[in-house]
Amino acid sequence: MEHETAPRHQKEVGRLPLQTVQQPKTAESGQTLMEFALMLPFMMLLLLGIAELGRAAFITITISNAATAGAEYGSQSAATASDFTGMQKAALCDANGDVAGYCKTGILTQTPGATNFCECDTGSGTSCLAGAGNTPPACSGFVCGGQIVECVHVTTYATFSPLFHYPGLPTTYSAHGDAIRRVR
C-alpha cells in the first residue's frame, strides 16, 4: 500500500489538521467584547460631537444664505432697495421656509436688519463695501462728484442651543449673516 490513510481524529482541513481548527475557546475569547464595551462611550461621544458640529455648520450656512436672499431681494431695483420689510421677509422665508407665501418659524427667530445707503463711484468701481463698516450716508440728498451707487445691507442673527450640553462649553451659540449688494 502506497497511501496510508490518516487516523480518523486527524483528518486534514486544508493544511491544518481538524483538531487544530476545533480548538476550545480560551479566556481570551471575551477580550474583544470587553474592549468594545470600554471604547463604546468614547465612540458615542465622538459621534455626538460630529453631529453637533454638522448641525452648527448647517445653521451658520442657513443664516448666511438668509442674509444673501434678503440683499438679493433689495438689490432688484430702487423700489425694492427701500422696501426694508420685503428684505426682512425674504431673509426670514429663506431661512425658515414658507408655505403659501407665509414664512414659517424656524432657525431665524429674530427680525433681520435691513438698510440701504449710497456711495459715490468716481470710476474706481465701488463695490458697496466702503459704507459697511461705518454709518453709511442716506441716499436722499446725497451728492458726489461721480455716479451715485445705491447699496443694500442685510444682517441676520440667530442663537441656538446644542442638543447635548458638554461641561466647559457654552450653553448657547450665535450665528451671524451679513450681505451687501449693489442695486441694479
Protein backbone atom coordinates (compact mmCIF):
# COMPACT_ATOMS: atom_id res chain seq x y z
CA MET A 1 0.00 0.00 0.00
CA GLU A 2 1.41 3.21 -1.07
CA HIS A 3 -1.13 5.51 0.56
CA GLU A 4 -1.71 5.38 4.24
CA THR A 5 -4.90 6.87 5.50
CA ALA A 6 -4.65 9.25 8.40
CA PRO A 7 -6.32 8.27 11.62
CA ARG A 8 -9.91 9.40 11.91
CA HIS A 9 -9.26 12.16 14.52
CA GLN A 10 -6.56 13.82 12.40
CA LYS A 11 -8.40 14.42 9.13
CA GLU A 12 -6.97 17.45 7.38
CA VAL A 13 -8.95 20.57 6.53
CA GLY A 14 -6.92 22.49 4.02
CA ARG A 15 -3.47 22.20 5.53
CA LEU A 16 -4.44 22.23 9.18
CA PRO A 17 -5.48 19.11 10.98
CA LEU A 18 -9.13 19.10 12.06
CA GLN A 19 -8.24 19.08 15.74
CA THR A 20 -6.29 22.33 15.28
CA VAL A 21 -9.34 24.02 13.73
CA GLN A 22 -11.64 22.91 16.54
CA GLN A 23 -9.55 24.08 19.49
CA PRO A 24 -11.57 25.03 22.54
CA LYS A 25 -12.07 28.76 23.25
CA THR A 26 -9.85 30.17 25.93
CA ALA A 27 -10.20 33.05 28.38
CA GLU A 28 -9.09 35.48 25.66
CA SER A 29 -12.30 34.99 23.72
CA GLY A 30 -14.10 37.71 25.74
CA GLN A 31 -11.30 40.24 25.33
CA THR A 32 -12.73 41.75 22.15
CA LEU A 33 -16.14 42.20 23.75
CA MET A 34 -14.56 43.86 26.79
CA GLU A 35 -12.50 46.24 24.60
CA PHE A 36 -15.61 47.16 22.63
CA ALA A 37 -17.57 47.80 25.83
CA LEU A 38 -14.82 50.09 27.12
CA MET A 39 -14.50 52.06 23.87
CA LEU A 40 -18.23 52.41 23.13
CA PRO A 41 -18.80 55.52 25.34
CA PHE A 42 -15.87 57.32 23.70
CA MET A 43 -17.05 56.41 20.23
CA MET A 44 -20.57 57.64 21.04
CA LEU A 45 -19.18 60.91 22.43
CA LEU A 46 -17.15 61.38 19.25
CA LEU A 47 -20.22 60.64 17.10
CA LEU A 48 -22.35 63.15 19.03
CA GLY A 49 -19.62 65.78 18.70
CA ILE A 50 -19.51 65.27 14.94
CA ALA A 51 -23.31 65.59 14.77
CA GLU A 52 -23.20 68.84 16.80
CA LEU A 53 -20.52 70.33 14.54
CA GLY A 54 -22.55 69.41 11.47
CA ARG A 55 -25.65 71.00 12.97
CA ALA A 56 -23.75 74.19 13.85
CA ALA A 57 -22.35 74.39 10.31
CA PHE A 58 -25.85 73.89 8.85
CA ILE A 59 -27.33 76.68 10.98
CA THR A 60 -24.47 79.07 10.21
CA ILE A 61 -24.75 78.46 6.46
CA THR A 62 -28.55 78.87 6.61
CA ILE A 63 -28.26 82.20 8.44
CA SER A 64 -25.67 83.46 5.97
CA ASN A 65 -27.79 82.39 3.00
CA ALA A 66 -30.80 84.16 4.51
CA ALA A 67 -28.88 87.46 4.61
CA THR A 68 -27.90 86.93 0.99
CA ALA A 69 -31.53 86.28 -0.01
CA GLY A 70 -32.68 89.48 1.69
CA ALA A 71 -29.95 91.51 -0.01
CA GLU A 72 -30.73 89.94 -3.38
CA TYR A 73 -34.37 90.94 -3.00
CA GLY A 74 -33.40 94.51 -2.12
CA SER A 75 -30.91 94.84 -4.97
CA GLN A 76 -33.50 94.26 -7.70
CA SER A 77 -34.46 97.92 -8.16
CA ALA A 78 -34.57 101.29 -6.44
CA ALA A 79 -38.09 100.48 -5.22
CA THR A 80 -37.07 97.20 -3.55
CA ALA A 81 -33.94 98.86 -2.09
CA SER A 82 -36.17 100.95 0.16
CA ASP A 83 -38.56 98.05 0.93
CA PHE A 84 -36.98 97.05 4.25
CA THR A 85 -39.95 94.89 5.22
CA GLY A 86 -39.63 92.97 1.95
CA MET A 87 -35.91 92.37 2.52
CA GLN A 88 -36.60 91.16 6.06
CA LYS A 89 -39.36 88.84 4.85
CA ALA A 90 -37.13 87.44 2.09
CA ALA A 91 -34.44 86.66 4.67
CA LEU A 92 -36.91 85.11 7.13
CA CYS A 93 -38.60 82.98 4.48
CA ASP A 94 -35.26 81.81 3.07
CA ALA A 95 -34.04 80.64 6.47
CA ASN A 96 -37.28 79.18 7.76
CA GLY A 97 -39.12 78.21 4.59
CA ASP A 98 -42.53 79.43 3.52
CA VAL A 99 -45.94 77.91 2.98
CA ALA A 100 -48.30 79.64 0.56
CA GLY A 101 -46.42 82.95 0.88
CA TYR A 102 -46.25 82.94 4.67
CA CYS A 103 -42.93 82.48 6.45
CA LYS A 104 -42.72 79.63 8.90
CA THR A 105 -40.94 79.91 12.22
CA GLY A 106 -37.70 78.04 12.50
CA ILE A 107 -33.99 78.75 12.71
CA LEU A 108 -34.15 82.50 12.22
CA THR A 109 -36.34 83.83 15.03
CA GLN A 110 -35.06 87.42 15.23
CA THR A 111 -36.04 90.04 12.66
CA PRO A 112 -33.17 90.68 10.24
CA GLY A 113 -31.71 94.14 9.91
CA ALA A 114 -32.12 95.80 6.52
CA THR A 115 -30.87 99.15 5.31
CA ASN A 116 -29.82 100.96 2.17
CA PHE A 117 -27.12 103.55 1.60
CA CYS A 118 -25.42 105.39 -1.22
CA GLU A 119 -21.80 105.70 -2.26
CA CYS A 120 -20.00 107.73 -4.85
CA ASP A 121 -18.37 105.85 -7.71
CA THR A 122 -15.64 108.04 -9.15
CA GLY A 123 -14.58 105.47 -11.71
CA SER A 124 -12.76 103.19 -9.29
CA GLY A 125 -15.60 100.64 -9.41
CA THR A 126 -17.01 100.93 -5.92
CA SER A 127 -18.45 97.69 -4.64
CA CYS A 128 -20.59 98.99 -1.76
CA LEU A 129 -18.07 97.97 0.87
CA ALA A 130 -16.93 101.40 1.99
CA GLY A 131 -20.17 102.19 3.83
CA ALA A 132 -20.50 98.81 5.50
CA GLY A 133 -18.04 99.40 8.33
CA ASN A 134 -19.31 102.80 9.44
CA THR A 135 -22.57 104.70 9.30
CA PRO A 136 -23.24 104.96 5.57
CA PRO A 137 -24.88 108.06 4.14
CA ALA A 138 -28.55 108.00 3.30
CA CYS A 139 -29.47 108.24 -0.35
CA SER A 140 -31.78 111.24 -0.10
CA GLY A 141 -29.82 114.41 -0.81
CA PHE A 142 -26.59 112.52 -1.48
CA VAL A 143 -24.24 114.49 -3.70
CA CYS A 144 -20.98 113.27 -5.17
CA GLY A 145 -18.54 114.05 -7.94
CA GLY A 146 -19.22 110.82 -9.79
CA GLN A 147 -22.00 108.31 -10.22
CA ILE A 148 -24.27 107.68 -7.23
CA VAL A 149 -24.45 103.97 -6.40
CA GLU A 150 -27.20 102.66 -4.15
CA CYS A 151 -26.44 99.61 -1.97
CA VAL A 152 -28.46 97.40 0.38
CA HIS A 153 -27.17 95.76 3.55
CA VAL A 154 -28.94 92.87 5.33
CA THR A 155 -27.76 91.32 8.59
CA THR A 156 -29.14 88.20 10.23
CA TYR A 157 -28.50 86.85 13.69
CA ALA A 158 -29.63 83.70 15.45
CA THR A 159 -28.79 81.89 18.65
CA PHE A 160 -29.06 78.16 19.05
CA SER A 161 -28.51 75.65 21.79
CA PRO A 162 -26.61 72.41 21.33
CA LEU A 163 -28.59 69.20 21.60
CA PHE A 164 -26.28 67.97 24.35
CA HIS A 165 -24.56 70.15 26.91
CA TYR A 166 -20.91 69.34 27.46
CA PRO A 167 -19.13 70.52 30.61
CA GLY A 168 -16.93 73.53 29.98
CA LEU A 169 -18.64 74.54 26.72
CA PRO A 170 -21.22 77.34 26.28
CA THR A 171 -24.91 76.52 26.51
CA THR A 172 -25.80 78.72 23.50
CA TYR A 173 -24.03 79.68 20.32
CA SER A 174 -24.68 82.51 17.87
CA ALA A 175 -24.58 82.66 14.10
CA HIS A 176 -24.32 85.84 12.03
CA GLY A 177 -25.06 86.53 8.40
CA ASP A 178 -24.10 89.67 6.55
CA ALA A 179 -24.72 90.55 2.89
CA ILE A 180 -24.24 93.74 0.89
CA ARG A 181 -25.38 94.10 -2.72
CA ARG A 182 -25.31 96.90 -5.26
CA VAL A 183 -28.76 97.89 -6.50
CA ARG A 184 -29.14 97.14 -10.21
